[in-house]
Amino acid sequence: MFRRFTGGLLLVLVLGSVAEADPRRWYEDPLGDALVGVGAVGVVTGACLLHASAADLDRAKDAPTWDSYDDRYRTARAERGAGSIAVVMGSALVVCGVARWWWVADEPPRVSVAVGEGGGSIVWAGRF
């Protein structure tokens, strides 16, 4: 059935697209970078608003009049609400960006089969 060739026999089967360009690395994904960058800015902004809220609440305690106390207290509550929303939304964007990086870096594995004169081999390759 098979003749033995003196030059050797090599059969290679590659499953997957050979014509594909080299996939992008996780750090080359502009959408993931943007999500993480905007999310980080949101977290920092929210933390600053929460800090300002605490300072305004402390200043409200030292207010000379009831109207002044009420204004400072309302400002502190508004800053606390906005800061909390900014921290939560920024954190969600960071998580989405990291998930996007992970998804882009996830490449289907490639399988290669090589049969030679003295035996054969199977190679399962992937990238991380």
Protein backbone atom coordinates (compact mmCIF):
# COMPACT_ATOMS: atom_id res chain seq x y z
CA MET A 1 0.00 0.00 0.00
CA PHE A 2 2.55 2.58 1.13
CA ARG A 3 5.97 2.48 -0.39
CA ARG A 4 8.95 3.40 1.61
CA PHE A 5 10.59 6.48 0.17
CA THR A 6 14.28 6.92 0.72
CA GLY A 7 13.86 10.68 0.82
CA GLY A 8 11.30 10.36 3.63
CA LEU A 9 7.61 11.11 3.84
CA LEU A 10 6.16 14.13 5.56
CA LEU A 11 2.46 14.91 5.74
CA VAL A 12 1.31 17.95 7.67
CA LEU A 13 -2.33 18.78 8.43
CA VAL A 14 -3.13 22.10 10.05
CA LEU A 15 -6.61 22.74 11.41
CA GLY A 16 -7.48 26.41 11.52
CA SER A 17 -7.02 29.31 9.20
CA VAL A 18 -3.47 29.58 7.97
CA ALA A 19 -4.17 32.80 6.07
CA GLU A 20 -5.16 34.68 9.23
CA ALA A 21 -2.98 37.53 10.29
CA ASP A 22 -1.27 37.30 13.63
CA PRO A 23 -3.97 38.11 16.22
CA ARG A 24 -3.67 41.23 18.33
CA ARG A 25 -2.29 41.03 21.78
CA TRP A 26 -4.51 42.07 24.70
CA TYR A 27 -2.69 45.37 25.15
CA GLU A 28 -3.22 46.29 21.49
CA ASP A 29 -7.02 46.44 21.81
CA PRO A 30 -8.15 50.09 21.62
CA LEU A 31 -11.67 49.39 22.90
CA GLY A 32 -10.37 47.58 26.00
CA ASP A 33 -7.86 50.38 26.59
CA ALA A 34 -10.60 53.00 26.32
CA LEU A 35 -12.94 51.14 28.68
CA VAL A 36 -10.24 50.72 31.32
CA GLY A 37 -9.02 54.31 30.91
CA VAL A 38 -12.46 55.90 31.17
CA GLY A 39 -13.35 53.56 34.04
CA ALA A 40 -10.21 54.51 35.95
CA VAL A 41 -11.01 58.20 35.48
CA GLY A 42 -14.54 57.52 36.76
CA VAL A 43 -13.24 55.72 39.84
CA VAL A 44 -10.78 58.52 40.66
CA THR A 45 -13.44 61.19 40.06
CA GLY A 46 -15.90 59.33 42.27
CA ALA A 47 -13.33 58.96 45.03
CA CYS A 48 -12.60 62.69 44.88
CA LEU A 49 -16.33 63.48 45.09
CA LEU A 50 -16.72 61.16 48.08
CA HIS A 51 -13.80 62.88 49.79
CA ALA A 52 -15.29 66.31 49.05
CA SER A 53 -18.62 65.08 50.41
CA ALA A 54 -17.03 64.12 53.70
CA ALA A 55 -15.33 67.52 53.92
CA ASP A 56 -18.60 69.34 53.18
CA LEU A 57 -20.40 67.29 55.81
CA ASP A 58 -17.77 68.27 58.38
CA ARG A 59 -18.13 71.94 57.38
CA ALA A 60 -21.91 71.64 57.69
CA LYS A 61 -21.52 70.67 61.35
CA ASP A 62 -19.74 73.98 61.99
CA ALA A 63 -22.30 76.11 60.15
CA PRO A 64 -23.41 79.23 62.03
CA THR A 65 -27.03 79.18 60.83
CA TRP A 66 -29.65 76.59 60.02
CA ASP A 67 -29.86 77.70 56.36
CA SER A 68 -26.09 77.44 55.96
CA TYR A 69 -26.15 73.97 57.53
CA ASP A 70 -28.94 72.89 55.20
CA ASP A 71 -27.10 74.14 52.09
CA ARG A 72 -23.85 72.41 53.03
CA TYR A 73 -25.66 69.22 53.99
CA ARG A 74 -27.52 69.11 50.66
CA THR A 75 -24.28 69.74 48.78
CA ALA A 76 -22.58 66.91 50.70
CA ARG A 77 -25.45 64.51 49.94
CA ALA A 78 -25.39 65.41 46.25
CA GLU A 79 -21.62 64.90 46.09
CA ARG A 80 -21.93 61.59 47.93
CA GLY A 81 -24.57 60.35 45.48
CA ALA A 82 -22.61 61.47 42.42
CA GLY A 83 -19.38 60.03 43.83
CA SER A 84 -21.00 56.69 44.57
CA ILE A 85 -22.46 56.48 41.07
CA ALA A 86 -19.11 57.45 39.51
CA VAL A 87 -17.21 54.82 41.51
CA VAL A 88 -19.70 52.07 40.65
CA MET A 89 -19.90 52.97 36.96
CA GLY A 90 -16.13 53.42 36.69
CA SER A 91 -15.56 50.05 38.33
CA ALA A 92 -18.01 48.44 35.92
CA LEU A 93 -16.16 49.97 32.95
CA VAL A 94 -12.82 48.72 34.27
CA VAL A 95 -14.26 45.21 34.67
CA CYS A 96 -15.69 45.36 31.13
CA GLY A 97 -12.34 46.55 29.76
CA VAL A 98 -10.41 43.78 31.48
CA ALA A 99 -12.97 41.24 30.25
CA ARG A 100 -12.55 42.65 26.74
CA TRP A 101 -8.76 42.27 27.00
CA TRP A 102 -9.23 38.70 28.15
CA TRP A 103 -11.67 37.99 25.33
CA VAL A 104 -9.39 39.48 22.65
CA ALA A 105 -6.40 37.53 23.96
CA ASP A 106 -8.41 34.31 23.92
CA GLU A 107 -7.52 32.63 20.65
CA PRO A 108 -8.79 29.22 19.58
CA PRO A 109 -6.07 26.60 19.84
CA ARG A 110 -4.46 25.25 16.72
CA VAL A 111 -3.91 21.57 16.11
CA SER A 112 -1.16 20.22 13.87
CA VAL A 113 -0.61 16.62 12.86
CA ALA A 114 2.66 15.52 11.28
CA VAL A 115 3.39 12.03 10.04
CA GLY A 116 6.97 11.24 9.18
CA GLU A 117 8.98 8.23 8.12
CA GLY A 118 9.91 7.22 11.64
CA GLY A 119 6.58 8.07 13.32
CA GLY A 120 4.21 10.93 13.84
CA SER A 121 3.33 13.72 16.20
CA ILE A 122 0.33 15.77 17.24
CA VAL A 123 0.85 19.33 18.40
CA TRP A 124 -1.78 21.39 20.26
CA ALA A 125 -0.73 25.03 20.33
CA GLY A 126 -2.28 28.13 21.85
CA ARG A 127 -1.33 31.58 23.01
CA PHE A 128 -1.59 33.30 26.39
